[in-house]
Structures are given as C-alpha cells and as structure tokens.
C-alpha cells in the first residue's frame, strides 16, 4: 500500500485545517487507518484511528479533531478544528492491523505516508 498525505500548511491558532491521505496498491478497506504526528524534537505520537468502524482519539485532540475514511475513494481524512500551537507537527497517515490494545502504537502499522507539516502560529 502506498500512502500520500497532503493538506498541511501554516495557520493561525483557532482555525481549521483538513488533512487527507490517499492510498493505492492494496486492500485499503481491510486495514485500520490512523494519523500520527511528530513535533520537532519529539517522538511520533498517536492522534486518531478508525478500527472496525470505531473512531479513537488521543485525549488532547478529542472534541477538536475528527477522523474519517472513504473506502470507495481509498482515502482517510483528519478534520482539525480549533487548532493550537501545540498541534504543530508533521502529520503522518498509516495503515495496519493492530489489535485494540496496540492501536496507538506506531509499530503496529505497516505502511506510512510521507508526512505533511502543520504549523500553528500567530
């Protein structure tokens, strides 16, 4: 599976941004899809995932971010609202087949997009 993420950019605090990830070359609909992010100088961290139809979120983005997928178009999106400076990071999409207890573990994902930079700054 090849993944390509896009939609990042420089935005001011409080605004919204939508990231998308296009998949090709595999059985996309059979995978768990996820977004991770990596801030400068920090480890890659889980943001959100859809596993077996259920959406899961890291606590700091609950209520602000929404993950969605379109299996007909082989895409996964991340709608980010009320952005904060601490959301600044490179965002990566990923697909895999994690068990429930490892859905936030980056090592459970097989394929990764190249990352798209989101900078939230006034």
PDB file of N, CA and C in Angstrom:
ATOM      1  N   UNK A   1       0.850  -1.187   0.000  1.00  0.00           N
ATOM      2  CA  UNK A   1       0.000   0.000   0.000  1.00  0.00           C
ATOM      3  C   UNK A   1       0.884   1.235   0.000  1.00  0.00           C
ATOM      4  N   UNK A   2       0.597   2.129  -0.904  1.00  0.00           N
ATOM      5  CA  UNK A   2       1.293   3.419  -0.917  1.00  0.00           C
ATOM      6  C   UNK A   2       0.344   4.495  -0.403  1.00  0.00           C
ATOM      7  N   UNK A   3       0.874   5.344   0.459  1.00  0.00           N
ATOM      8  CA  UNK A   3       0.072   6.394   1.067  1.00  0.00           C
ATOM      9  C   UNK A   3       0.692   7.752   0.778  1.00  0.00           C
ATOM     10  N   UNK A   4      -0.150   8.707   0.487  1.00  0.00           N
ATOM     11  CA  UNK A   4       0.328  10.061   0.265  1.00  0.00           C
ATOM     12  C   UNK A   4      -0.561  11.027   1.041  1.00  0.00           C
ATOM     13  N   UNK A   5       0.061  11.736   1.962  1.00  0.00           N
ATOM     14  CA  UNK A   5      -0.657  12.695   2.787  1.00  0.00           C
ATOM     15  C   UNK A   5      -0.475  14.092   2.239  1.00  0.00           C
ATOM     16  N   UNK A   6      -1.512  14.898   2.371  1.00  0.00           N
ATOM     17  CA  UNK A   6      -1.424  16.275   1.934  1.00  0.00           C
ATOM     18  C   UNK A   6      -2.431  17.122   2.703  1.00  0.00           C
ATOM     19  N   UNK A   7      -2.284  18.427   2.576  1.00  0.00           N
ATOM     20  CA  UNK A   7      -3.217  19.343   3.219  1.00  0.00           C
ATOM     21  C   UNK A   7      -2.625  20.185   4.340  1.00  0.00           C
ATOM     22  N   UNK A   8      -1.373  19.957   4.683  1.00  0.00           N
ATOM     23  CA  UNK A   8      -0.757  20.735   5.738  1.00  0.00           C
ATOM     24  C   UNK A   8      -0.507  22.172   5.317  1.00  0.00           C
ATOM     25  N   UNK A   9      -0.097  22.973   6.283  1.00  0.00           N
ATOM     26  CA  UNK A   9       0.198  24.360   5.982  1.00  0.00           C
ATOM     27  C   UNK A   9       0.414  25.168   7.239  1.00  0.00           C
ATOM     28  N   UNK A  10       0.566  26.469   7.052  1.00  0.00           N
ATOM     29  CA  UNK A  10       0.737  27.408   8.166  1.00  0.00           C
ATOM     30  C   UNK A  10      -0.599  28.075   8.436  1.00  0.00           C
ATOM     31  N   UNK A  11      -1.094  27.921   9.655  1.00  0.00           N
ATOM     32  CA  UNK A  11      -2.376  28.508  10.016  1.00  0.00           C
ATOM     33  C   UNK A  11      -2.257  29.206  11.368  1.00  0.00           C
ATOM     34  N   UNK A  12      -3.219  30.080  11.628  1.00  0.00           N
ATOM     35  CA  UNK A  12      -3.246  30.778  12.907  1.00  0.00           C
ATOM     36  C   UNK A  12      -4.002  29.952  13.943  1.00  0.00           C
ATOM     37  N   UNK A  13      -3.725  30.176  15.205  1.00  0.00           N
ATOM     38  CA  UNK A  13      -4.481  29.464  16.243  1.00  0.00           C
ATOM     39  C   UNK A  13      -5.976  29.709  16.117  1.00  0.00           C
ATOM     40  N   UNK A  14      -6.737  28.649  16.371  1.00  0.00           N
ATOM     41  CA  UNK A  14      -8.184  28.745  16.356  1.00  0.00           C
ATOM     42  C   UNK A  14      -8.853  28.393  15.047  1.00  0.00           C
ATOM     43  N   UNK A  15      -8.076  28.291  13.984  1.00  0.00           N
ATOM     44  CA  UNK A  15      -8.698  27.984  12.702  1.00  0.00           C
ATOM     45  C   UNK A  15      -8.724  26.475  12.480  1.00  0.00           C
ATOM     46  N   UNK A  16      -9.296  26.091  11.335  1.00  0.00           N
ATOM     47  CA  UNK A  16      -9.432  24.685  10.995  1.00  0.00           C
ATOM     48  C   UNK A  16      -8.549  24.327   9.807  1.00  0.00           C
ATOM     49  N   UNK A  17      -8.237  23.056   9.718  1.00  0.00           N
ATOM     50  CA  UNK A  17      -7.454  22.533   8.612  1.00  0.00           C
ATOM     51  C   UNK A  17      -7.863  21.086   8.405  1.00  0.00           C
ATOM     52  N   UNK A  18      -7.873  20.663   7.178  1.00  0.00           N
ATOM     53  CA  UNK A  18      -8.247  19.280   6.861  1.00  0.00           C
ATOM     54  C   UNK A  18      -7.098  18.594   6.151  1.00  0.00           C
ATOM     55  N   UNK A  19      -6.647  17.508   6.718  1.00  0.00           N
ATOM     56  CA  UNK A  19      -5.619  16.688   6.091  1.00  0.00           C
ATOM     57  C   UNK A  19      -6.280  15.511   5.387  1.00  0.00           C
ATOM     58  N   UNK A  20      -5.679  15.101   4.298  1.00  0.00           N
ATOM     59  CA  UNK A  20      -6.167  13.934   3.580  1.00  0.00           C
ATOM     60  C   UNK A  20      -5.009  13.009   3.271  1.00  0.00           C
ATOM     61  N   UNK A  21      -5.349  11.762   3.068  1.00  0.00           N
ATOM     62  CA  UNK A  21      -4.346  10.755   2.754  1.00  0.00           C
ATOM     63  C   UNK A  21      -4.955   9.824   1.713  1.00  0.00           C
ATOM     64  N   UNK A  22      -4.279   9.694   0.589  1.00  0.00           N
ATOM     65  CA  UNK A  22      -4.751   8.844  -0.491  1.00  0.00           C
ATOM     66  C   UNK A  22      -3.942   7.555  -0.508  1.00  0.00           C
ATOM     67  N   UNK A  23      -4.646   6.442  -0.617  1.00  0.00           N
ATOM     68  CA  UNK A  23      -3.994   5.136  -0.611  1.00  0.00           C
ATOM     69  C   UNK A  23      -4.135   4.476  -1.974  1.00  0.00           C
ATOM     70  N   UNK A  24      -3.131   3.699  -2.325  1.00  0.00           N
ATOM     71  CA  UNK A  24      -3.192   2.935  -3.568  1.00  0.00           C
ATOM     72  C   UNK A  24      -2.419   1.632  -3.388  1.00  0.00           C
ATOM     73  N   UNK A  25      -2.780   0.641  -4.185  1.00  0.00           N
ATOM     74  CA  UNK A  25      -1.977  -0.571  -4.251  1.00  0.00           C
ATOM     75  C   UNK A  25      -2.291  -1.652  -3.247  1.00  0.00           C
ATOM     76  N   UNK A  26      -3.378  -1.585  -2.521  1.00  0.00           N
ATOM     77  CA  UNK A  26      -3.672  -2.630  -1.553  1.00  0.00           C
ATOM     78  C   UNK A  26      -5.124  -2.629  -1.145  1.00  0.00           C
ATOM     79  N   UNK A  27      -5.460  -3.566  -0.265  1.00  0.00           N
ATOM     80  CA  UNK A  27      -6.831  -3.710   0.202  1.00  0.00           C
ATOM     81  C   UNK A  27      -7.106  -2.714   1.316  1.00  0.00           C
ATOM     82  N   UNK A  28      -7.223  -1.470   0.938  1.00  0.00           N
ATOM     83  CA  UNK A  28      -7.321  -0.374   1.901  1.00  0.00           C
ATOM     84  C   UNK A  28      -8.438  -0.590   2.904  1.00  0.00           C
ATOM     85  N   UNK A  29      -9.588  -1.043   2.428  1.00  0.00           N
ATOM     86  CA  UNK A  29     -10.760  -1.150   3.294  1.00  0.00           C
ATOM     87  C   UNK A  29     -10.583  -2.175   4.409  1.00  0.00           C
ATOM     88  N   UNK A  30      -9.624  -3.045   4.287  1.00  0.00           N
ATOM     89  CA  UNK A  30      -9.429  -4.090   5.304  1.00  0.00           C
ATOM     90  C   UNK A  30      -8.511  -3.647   6.437  1.00  0.00           C
ATOM     91  N   UNK A  31      -7.905  -2.484   6.304  1.00  0.00           N
ATOM     92  CA  UNK A  31      -6.945  -2.012   7.292  1.00  0.00           C
ATOM     93  C   UNK A  31      -7.550  -1.039   8.296  1.00  0.00           C
ATOM     94  N   UNK A  32      -6.968  -1.016   9.452  1.00  0.00           N
ATOM     95  CA  UNK A  32      -7.165   0.101  10.373  1.00  0.00           C
ATOM     96  C   UNK A  32      -6.373   1.286   9.824  1.00  0.00           C
ATOM     97  N   UNK A  33      -6.981   2.459   9.849  1.00  0.00           N
ATOM     98  CA  UNK A  33      -6.292   3.656   9.378  1.00  0.00           C
ATOM     99  C   UNK A  33      -6.052   4.581  10.564  1.00  0.00           C
ATOM    100  N   UNK A  34      -4.963   5.305  10.508  1.00  0.00           N
ATOM    101  CA  UNK A  34      -4.603   6.146  11.645  1.00  0.00           C
ATOM    102  C   UNK A  34      -3.823   7.367  11.201  1.00  0.00           C
ATOM    103  N   UNK A  35      -3.804   8.345  12.070  1.00  0.00           N
ATOM    104  CA  UNK A  35      -2.940   9.514  11.938  1.00  0.00           C
ATOM    105  C   UNK A  35      -2.046   9.581  13.175  1.00  0.00           C
ATOM    106  N   UNK A  36      -0.789   9.864  12.925  1.00  0.00           N
ATOM    107  CA  UNK A  36       0.189  10.129  13.974  1.00  0.00           C
ATOM    108  C   UNK A  36       0.805  11.501  13.695  1.00  0.00           C
ATOM    109  N   UNK A  37       1.470  12.035  14.679  1.00  0.00           N
ATOM    110  CA  UNK A  37       2.172  13.297  14.468  1.00  0.00           C
ATOM    111  C   UNK A  37       3.489  13.301  15.229  1.00  0.00           C
ATOM    112  N   UNK A  38       4.409  14.080  14.691  1.00  0.00           N
ATOM    113  CA  UNK A  38       5.719  14.189  15.319  1.00  0.00           C
ATOM    114  C   UNK A  38       6.119  15.646  15.381  1.00  0.00           C
ATOM    115  N   UNK A  39       6.166  16.172  16.589  1.00  0.00           N
ATOM    116  CA  UNK A  39       6.587  17.552  16.802  1.00  0.00           C
ATOM    117  C   UNK A  39       8.112  17.617  16.776  1.00  0.00           C
ATOM    118  N   UNK A  40       8.671  18.791  16.513  1.00  0.00           N
ATOM    119  CA  UNK A  40      10.130  18.927  16.460  1.00  0.00           C
ATOM    120  C   UNK A  40      10.795  18.440  17.737  1.00  0.00           C
ATOM    121  N   UNK A  41      11.749  17.546  17.591  1.00  0.00           N
ATOM    122  CA  UNK A  41      12.488  17.044  18.736  1.00  0.00           C
ATOM    123  C   UNK A  41      11.758  16.048  19.607  1.00  0.00           C
ATOM    124  N   UNK A  42      10.602  15.591  19.141  1.00  0.00           N
ATOM    125  CA  UNK A  42       9.813  14.666  19.953  1.00  0.00           C
ATOM    126  C   UNK A  42       9.527  13.389  19.186  1.00  0.00           C
ATOM    127  N   UNK A  43       9.047  12.381  19.906  1.00  0.00           N
ATOM    128  CA  UNK A  43       8.721  11.115  19.283  1.00  0.00           C
ATOM    129  C   UNK A  43       7.394  11.214  18.523  1.00  0.00           C
ATOM    130  N   UNK A  44       7.213  10.296  17.591  1.00  0.00           N
ATOM    131  CA  UNK A  44       5.963  10.223  16.871  1.00  0.00           C
ATOM    132  C   UNK A  44       4.873   9.724  17.811  1.00  0.00           C
ATOM    133  N   UNK A  45       3.727  10.405  17.781  1.00  0.00           N
ATOM    134  CA  UNK A  45       2.660  10.082  18.721  1.00  0.00           C
ATOM    135  C   UNK A  45       1.337   9.885  18.003  1.00  0.00           C
ATOM    136  N   UNK A  46       0.525   9.043  18.585  1.00  0.00           N
ATOM    137  CA  UNK A  46      -0.800   8.724  18.046  1.00  0.00           C
ATOM    138  C   UNK A  46      -1.722   9.935  18.113  1.00  0.00           C
ATOM    139  N   UNK A  47      -2.537  10.104  17.086  1.00  0.00           N
ATOM    140  CA  UNK A  47      -3.540  11.168  17.075  1.00  0.00           C
ATOM    141  C   UNK A  47      -4.944  10.573  17.030  1.00  0.00           C
ATOM    142  N   UNK A  48      -5.200   9.730  16.037  1.00  0.00           N
ATOM    143  CA  UNK A  48      -6.547   9.186  15.862  1.00  0.00           C
ATOM    144  C   UNK A  48      -6.480   7.954  14.975  1.00  0.00           C
ATOM    145  N   UNK A  49      -7.505   7.117  15.080  1.00  0.00           N
ATOM    146  CA  UNK A  49      -7.588   5.921  14.254  1.00  0.00           C
ATOM    147  C   UNK A  49      -9.040   5.503  14.084  1.00  0.00           C
ATOM    148  N   UNK A  50      -9.285   4.751  13.031  1.00  0.00           N
ATOM    149  CA  UNK A  50     -10.569   4.090  12.845  1.00  0.00           C
ATOM    150  C   UNK A  50     -10.284   2.595  12.774  1.00  0.00           C
ATOM    151  N   UNK A  51     -10.797   1.888  13.753  1.00  0.00           N
ATOM    152  CA  UNK A  51     -10.617   0.434  13.800  1.00  0.00           C
ATOM    153  C   UNK A  51     -11.980  -0.212  13.915  1.00  0.00           C
ATOM    154  N   UNK A  52     -12.276  -1.089  12.970  1.00  0.00           N
ATOM    155  CA  UNK A  52     -13.548  -1.819  12.963  1.00  0.00           C
ATOM    156  C   UNK A  52     -14.730  -0.869  13.098  1.00  0.00           C
ATOM    157  N   UNK A  53     -14.654   0.252  12.402  1.00  0.00           N
ATOM    158  CA  UNK A  53     -15.749   1.201  12.400  1.00  0.00           C
ATOM    159  C   UNK A  53     -15.795   2.141  13.583  1.00  0.00           C
ATOM    160  N   UNK A  54     -14.875   1.982  14.507  1.00  0.00           N
ATOM    161  CA  UNK A  54     -14.874   2.809  15.709  1.00  0.00           C
ATOM    162  C   UNK A  54     -13.728   3.816  15.632  1.00  0.00           C
ATOM    163  N   UNK A  55     -14.045   5.060  15.948  1.00  0.00           N
ATOM    164  CA  UNK A  55     -13.034   6.112  15.944  1.00  0.00           C
ATOM    165  C   UNK A  55     -12.423   6.269  17.333  1.00  0.00           C
ATOM    166  N   UNK A  56     -11.110   6.405  17.350  1.00  0.00           N
ATOM    167  CA  UNK A  56     -10.371   6.516  18.601  1.00  0.00           C
ATOM    168  C   UNK A  56      -9.477   7.744  18.523  1.00  0.00           C
ATOM    169  N   UNK A  57      -9.334   8.449  19.640  1.00  0.00           N
ATOM    170  CA  UNK A  57      -8.577   9.697  19.638  1.00  0.00           C
ATOM    171  C   UNK A  57      -7.661   9.795  20.840  1.00  0.00           C
ATOM    172  N   UNK A  58      -6.555  10.460  20.629  1.00  0.00           N
ATOM    173  CA  UNK A  58      -5.688  10.831  21.740  1.00  0.00           C
ATOM    174  C   UNK A  58      -6.400  11.933  22.522  1.00  0.00           C
ATOM    175  N   UNK A  59      -6.213  11.954  23.814  1.00  0.00           N
ATOM    176  CA  UNK A  59      -7.004  12.831  24.667  1.00  0.00           C
ATOM    177  C   UNK A  59      -6.928  14.307  24.282  1.00  0.00           C
ATOM    178  N   UNK A  60      -5.769  14.785  23.887  1.00  0.00           N
ATOM    179  CA  UNK A  60      -5.613  16.214  23.642  1.00  0.00           C
ATOM    180  C   UNK A  60      -6.350  16.704  22.395  1.00  0.00           C
ATOM    181  N   UNK A  61      -6.791  15.779  21.539  1.00  0.00           N
ATOM    182  CA  UNK A  61      -7.490  16.189  20.316  1.00  0.00           C
ATOM    183  C   UNK A  61      -8.971  15.842  20.343  1.00  0.00           C
ATOM    184  N   UNK A  62      -9.417  15.144  21.367  1.00  0.00           N
ATOM    185  CA  UNK A  62     -10.838  14.785  21.459  1.00  0.00           C
ATOM    186  C   UNK A  62     -11.706  16.040  21.441  1.00  0.00           C
ATOM    187  N   UNK A  63     -12.743  16.003  20.625  1.00  0.00           N
ATOM    188  CA  UNK A  63     -13.643  17.137  20.519  1.00  0.00           C
ATOM    189  C   UNK A  63     -13.189  18.193  19.538  1.00  0.00           C
ATOM    190  N   UNK A  64     -11.929  18.104  19.087  1.00  0.00           N
ATOM    191  CA  UNK A  64     -11.422  19.083  18.109  1.00  0.00           C
ATOM    192  C   UNK A  64     -11.120  18.431  16.759  1.00  0.00           C
ATOM    193  N   UNK A  65     -10.636  17.211  16.777  1.00  0.00           N
ATOM    194  CA  UNK A  65     -10.266  16.517  15.561  1.00  0.00           C
ATOM    195  C   UNK A  65     -11.287  15.418  15.250  1.00  0.00           C
ATOM    196  N   UNK A  66     -11.494  15.179  13.961  1.00  0.00           N
ATOM    197  CA  UNK A  66     -12.378  14.100  13.525  1.00  0.00           C
ATOM    198  C   UNK A  66     -11.701  13.325  12.404  1.00  0.00           C
ATOM    199  N   UNK A  67     -11.568  12.032  12.603  1.00  0.00           N
ATOM    200  CA  UNK A  67     -11.014  11.178  11.562  1.00  0.00           C
ATOM    201  C   UNK A  67     -12.148  10.533  10.784  1.00  0.00           C
ATOM    202  N   UNK A  68     -11.962  10.396   9.494  1.00  0.00           N
ATOM    203  CA  UNK A  68     -12.975   9.754   8.663  1.00  0.00           C
ATOM    204  C   UNK A  68     -12.282   9.016   7.531  1.00  0.00           C
ATOM    205  N   UNK A  69     -12.987   8.070   6.961  1.00  0.00           N
ATOM    206  CA  UNK A  69     -12.428   7.329   5.834  1.00  0.00           C
ATOM    207  C   UNK A  69     -13.496   7.158   4.767  1.00  0.00           C
ATOM    208  N   UNK A  70     -13.049   7.045   3.533  1.00  0.00           N
ATOM    209  CA  UNK A  70     -13.919   6.766   2.400  1.00  0.00           C
ATOM    210  C   UNK A  70     -13.306   5.591   1.661  1.00  0.00           C
ATOM    211  N   UNK A  71     -13.827   4.421   1.908  1.00  0.00           N
ATOM    212  CA  UNK A  71     -13.252   3.221   1.296  1.00  0.00           C
ATOM    213  C   UNK A  71     -13.442   3.169  -0.207  1.00  0.00           C
ATOM    214  N   UNK A  72     -14.477   3.814  -0.705  1.00  0.00           N
ATOM    215  CA  UNK A  72     -14.711   3.844  -2.151  1.00  0.00           C
ATOM    216  C   UNK A  72     -13.627   4.663  -2.850  1.00  0.00           C
ATOM    217  N   UNK A  73     -13.113   5.663  -2.155  1.00  0.00           N
ATOM    218  CA  UNK A  73     -12.078   6.523  -2.735  1.00  0.00           C
ATOM    219  C   UNK A  73     -10.690   6.214  -2.189  1.00  0.00           C
ATOM    220  N   UNK A  74     -10.612   5.248  -1.272  1.00  0.00           N
ATOM    221  CA  UNK A  74      -9.333   4.899  -0.653  1.00  0.00           C
ATOM    222  C   UNK A  74      -8.652   6.099  -0.009  1.00  0.00           C
ATOM    223  N   UNK A  75      -9.407   6.814   0.767  1.00  0.00           N
ATOM    224  CA  UNK A  75      -8.861   7.984   1.442  1.00  0.00           C
ATOM    225  C   UNK A  75      -9.201   7.970   2.930  1.00  0.00           C
ATOM    226  N   UNK A  76      -8.356   8.616   3.696  1.00  0.00           N
ATOM    227  CA  UNK A  76      -8.624   8.867   5.110  1.00  0.00           C
ATOM    228  C   UNK A  76      -8.324  10.336   5.352  1.00  0.00           C
ATOM    229  N   UNK A  77      -9.172  10.980   6.131  1.00  0.00           N
ATOM    230  CA  UNK A  77      -9.020  12.409   6.375  1.00  0.00           C
ATOM    231  C   UNK A  77      -8.971  12.700   7.863  1.00  0.00           C
ATOM    232  N   UNK A  78      -8.428  13.854   8.171  1.00  0.00           N
ATOM    233  CA  UNK A  78      -8.390  14.323   9.553  1.00  0.00           C
ATOM    234  C   UNK A  78      -8.827  15.778   9.546  1.00  0.00           C
ATOM    235  N   UNK A  79     -10.015  16.021  10.037  1.00  0.00           N
ATOM    236  CA  UNK A  79     -10.520  17.380  10.179  1.00  0.00           C
ATOM    237  C   UNK A  79     -10.050  17.918  11.528  1.00  0.00           C
ATOM    238  N   UNK A  80      -9.307  19.004  11.489  1.00  0.00           N
ATOM    239  CA  UNK A  80      -8.735  19.573  12.698  1.00  0.00           C
ATOM    240  C   UNK A  80      -9.330  20.953  12.934  1.00  0.00           C
ATOM    241  N   UNK A  81     -10.045  21.104  14.006  1.00  0.00           N
ATOM    242  CA  UNK A  81     -10.666  22.378  14.367  1.00  0.00           C
ATOM    243  C   UNK A  81     -10.007  22.961  15.607  1.00  0.00           C
ATOM    244  N   UNK A  82     -10.199  24.251  15.799  1.00  0.00           N
ATOM    245  CA  UNK A  82      -9.665  24.940  16.983  1.00  0.00           C
ATOM    246  C   UNK A  82      -8.188  24.615  17.202  1.00  0.00           C
ATOM    247  N   UNK A  83      -7.425  24.772  16.158  1.00  0.00           N
ATOM    248  CA  UNK A  83      -6.018  24.401  16.234  1.00  0.00           C
ATOM    249  C   UNK A  83      -5.259  25.244  17.244  1.00  0.00           C
ATOM    250  N   UNK A  84      -4.292  24.614  17.882  1.00  0.00           N
ATOM    251  CA  UNK A  84      -3.469  25.248  18.894  1.00  0.00           C
ATOM    252  C   UNK A  84      -2.000  25.180  18.485  1.00  0.00           C
ATOM    253  N   UNK A  85      -1.173  26.065  18.993  1.00  0.00           N
ATOM    254  CA  UNK A  85       0.261  25.983  18.660  1.00  0.00           C
ATOM    255  C   UNK A  85       0.860  24.612  18.978  1.00  0.00           C
ATOM    256  N   UNK A  86       0.385  23.962  20.012  1.00  0.00           N
ATOM    257  CA  UNK A  86       0.926  22.646  20.370  1.00  0.00           C
ATOM    258  C   UNK A  86       0.516  21.547  19.401  1.00  0.00           C
ATOM    259  N   UNK A  87      -0.352  21.864  18.442  1.00  0.00           N
ATOM    260  CA  UNK A  87      -0.682  20.905  17.389  1.00  0.00           C
ATOM    261  C   UNK A  87       0.350  20.934  16.261  1.00  0.00           C
ATOM    262  N   UNK A  88       1.282  21.852  16.334  1.00  0.00           N
ATOM    263  CA  UNK A  88       2.322  21.945  15.314  1.00  0.00           C
ATOM    264  C   UNK A  88       3.143  20.658  15.268  1.00  0.00           C
ATOM    265  N   UNK A  89       3.203  20.064  14.089  1.00  0.00           N
ATOM    266  CA  UNK A  89       3.911  18.788  13.935  1.00  0.00           C
ATOM    267  C   UNK A  89       3.859  18.365  12.472  1.00  0.00           C
ATOM    268  N   UNK A  90       4.638  17.370  12.150  1.00  0.00           N
ATOM    269  CA  UNK A  90       4.461  16.664  10.889  1.00  0.00           C
ATOM    270  C   UNK A  90       3.443  15.558  11.135  1.00  0.00           C
ATOM    271  N   UNK A  91       2.425  15.511  10.320  1.00  0.00           N
ATOM    272  CA  UNK A  91       1.350  14.536  10.475  1.00  0.00           C
ATOM    273  C   UNK A  91       1.527  13.424   9.446  1.00  0.00           C
ATOM    274  N   UNK A  92       1.410  12.192   9.930  1.00  0.00           N
ATOM    275  CA  UNK A  92       1.586  11.009   9.101  1.00  0.00           C
ATOM    276  C   UNK A  92       0.315  10.173   9.109  1.00  0.00           C
ATOM    277  N   UNK A  93      -0.086   9.696   7.945  1.00  0.00           N
ATOM    278  CA  UNK A  93      -1.143   8.696   7.896  1.00  0.00           C
ATOM    279  C   UNK A  93      -0.501   7.316   7.859  1.00  0.00           C
ATOM    280  N   UNK A  94      -1.233   6.335   8.339  1.00  0.00           N
ATOM    281  CA  UNK A  94      -0.701   4.983   8.411  1.00  0.00           C
ATOM    282  C   UNK A  94      -1.836   3.981   8.344  1.00  0.00           C
ATOM    283  N   UNK A  95      -1.515   2.792   7.862  1.00  0.00           N
ATOM    284  CA  UNK A  95      -2.495   1.700   7.857  1.00  0.00           C
ATOM    285  C   UNK A  95      -1.838   0.450   8.422  1.00  0.00           C
ATOM    286  N   UNK A  96      -2.632  -0.368   9.059  1.00  0.00           N
ATOM    287  CA  UNK A  96      -2.132  -1.598   9.636  1.00  0.00           C
ATOM    288  C   UNK A  96      -3.270  -2.424  10.166  1.00  0.00           C
ATOM    289  N   UNK A  97      -2.915  -3.451  10.934  1.00  0.00           N
ATOM    290  CA  UNK A  97      -3.930  -4.299  11.566  1.00  0.00           C
ATOM    291  C   UNK A  97      -3.589  -4.487  13.045  1.00  0.00           C
ATOM    292  N   UNK A  98      -3.585  -3.393  13.795  1.00  0.00           N
ATOM    293  CA  UNK A  98      -3.281  -3.520  15.221  1.00  0.00           C
ATOM    294  C   UNK A  98      -4.428  -4.173  15.973  1.00  0.00           C
ATOM    295  N   UNK A  99      -4.096  -4.839  17.068  1.00  0.00           N
ATOM    296  CA  UNK A  99      -5.167  -5.256  17.968  1.00  0.00           C
ATOM    297  C   UNK A  99      -5.584  -4.030  18.772  1.00  0.00           C
ATOM    298  N   UNK A 100      -6.678  -4.123  19.464  1.00  0.00           N
ATOM    299  CA  UNK A 100      -7.232  -2.956  20.148  1.00  0.00           C
ATOM    300  C   UNK A 100      -6.217  -2.311  21.094  1.00  0.00           C
ATOM    301  N   UNK A 101      -5.454  -3.121  21.793  1.00  0.00           N
ATOM    302  CA  UNK A 101      -4.522  -2.579  22.784  1.00  0.00           C
ATOM    303  C   UNK A 101      -3.313  -1.907  22.159  1.00  0.00           C
ATOM    304  N   UNK A 102      -3.104  -2.082  20.857  1.00  0.00           N
ATOM    305  CA  UNK A 102      -1.924  -1.500  20.202  1.00  0.00           C
ATOM    306  C   UNK A 102      -2.296  -0.478  19.149  1.00  0.00           C
ATOM    307  N   UNK A 103      -3.543  -0.043  19.137  1.00  0.00           N
ATOM    308  CA  UNK A 103      -3.975   0.862  18.074  1.00  0.00           C
ATOM    309  C   UNK A 103      -3.205   2.181  18.120  1.00  0.00           C
ATOM    310  N   UNK A 104      -2.682   2.564  19.266  1.00  0.00           N
ATOM    311  CA  UNK A 104      -1.925   3.806  19.375  1.00  0.00           C
ATOM    312  C   UNK A 104      -0.415   3.588  19.283  1.00  0.00           C
ATOM    313  N   UNK A 105      -0.018   2.382  18.975  1.00  0.00           N
ATOM    314  CA  UNK A 105       1.397   2.019  18.891  1.00  0.00           C
ATOM    315  C   UNK A 105       1.841   2.085  17.436  1.00  0.00           C
ATOM    316  N   UNK A 106       2.777   2.978  17.143  1.00  0.00           N
ATOM    317  CA  UNK A 106       3.194   3.164  15.756  1.00  0.00           C
ATOM    318  C   UNK A 106       3.799   1.898  15.153  1.00  0.00           C
ATOM    319  N   UNK A 107       4.360   1.038  15.988  1.00  0.00           N
ATOM    320  CA  UNK A 107       4.988  -0.180  15.465  1.00  0.00           C
ATOM    321  C   UNK A 107       3.961  -1.182  14.953  1.00  0.00           C
ATOM    322  N   UNK A 108       2.688  -0.949  15.238  1.00  0.00           N
ATOM    323  CA  UNK A 108       1.632  -1.849  14.783  1.00  0.00           C
ATOM    324  C   UNK A 108       1.164  -1.544  13.366  1.00  0.00           C
ATOM    325  N   UNK A 109       1.715  -0.513  12.763  1.00  0.00           N
ATOM    326  CA  UNK A 109       1.266  -0.086  11.443  1.00  0.00           C
ATOM    327  C   UNK A 109       2.306  -0.429  10.388  1.00  0.00           C
ATOM    328  N   UNK A 110       1.829  -0.938   9.245  1.00  0.00           N
ATOM    329  CA  UNK A 110       2.723  -1.462   8.230  1.00  0.00           C
ATOM    330  C   UNK A 110       3.171  -0.398   7.223  1.00  0.00           C
ATOM    331  N   UNK A 111       2.253   0.467   6.857  1.00  0.00           N
ATOM    332  CA  UNK A 111       2.526   1.396   5.767  1.00  0.00           C
ATOM    333  C   UNK A 111       2.294   2.819   6.236  1.00  0.00           C
ATOM    334  N   UNK A 112       3.161   3.701   5.734  1.00  0.00           N
ATOM    335  CA  UNK A 112       3.135   5.092   6.183  1.00  0.00           C
ATOM    336  C   UNK A 112       3.199   6.047   5.000  1.00  0.00           C
ATOM    337  N   UNK A 113       2.489   7.162   5.140  1.00  0.00           N
ATOM    338  CA  UNK A 113       2.646   8.251   4.192  1.00  0.00           C
ATOM    339  C   UNK A 113       3.900   9.047   4.522  1.00  0.00           C
ATOM    340  N   UNK A 114       4.213  10.006   3.681  1.00  0.00           N
ATOM    341  CA  UNK A 114       5.468  10.737   3.802  1.00  0.00           C
ATOM    342  C   UNK A 114       5.402  11.867   4.822  1.00  0.00           C
ATOM    343  N   UNK A 115       4.218  12.202   5.295  1.00  0.00           N
ATOM    344  CA  UNK A 115       4.094  13.273   6.271  1.00  0.00           C
ATOM    345  C   UNK A 115       3.770  14.600   5.623  1.00  0.00           C
ATOM    346  N   UNK A 116       2.973  15.374   6.330  1.00  0.00           N
ATOM    347  CA  UNK A 116       2.638  16.722   5.880  1.00  0.00           C
ATOM    348  C   UNK A 116       2.732  17.644   7.101  1.00  0.00           C
ATOM    349  N   UNK A 117       3.393  18.782   6.919  1.00  0.00           N
ATOM    350  CA  UNK A 117       3.688  19.673   8.031  1.00  0.00           C
ATOM    351  C   UNK A 117       2.524  20.603   8.322  1.00  0.00           C
ATOM    352  N   UNK A 118       2.126  20.645   9.578  1.00  0.00           N
ATOM    353  CA  UNK A 118       1.132  21.586  10.061  1.00  0.00           C
ATOM    354  C   UNK A 118       1.808  22.512  11.067  1.00  0.00           C
ATOM    355  N   UNK A 119       1.760  23.788  10.795  1.00  0.00           N
ATOM    356  CA  UNK A 119       2.332  24.784  11.692  1.00  0.00           C
ATOM    357  C   UNK A 119       1.225  25.717  12.146  1.00  0.00           C
ATOM    358  N   UNK A 120       1.041  25.804  13.455  1.00  0.00           N
ATOM    359  CA  UNK A 120       0.013  26.664  14.021  1.00  0.00           C
ATOM    360  C   UNK A 120       0.720  27.787  14.764  1.00  0.00           C
ATOM    361  N   UNK A 121       0.621  28.978  14.218  1.00  0.00           N
ATOM    362  CA  UNK A 121       1.355  30.095  14.788  1.00  0.00           C
ATOM    363  C   UNK A 121       0.687  31.400  14.402  1.00  0.00           C
ATOM    364  N   UNK A 122       0.743  32.348  15.311  1.00  0.00           N
ATOM    365  CA  UNK A 122       0.210  33.678  15.007  1.00  0.00           C
ATOM    366  C   UNK A 122       1.307  34.579  14.450  1.00  0.00           C
TER     367      UNK A 122
END
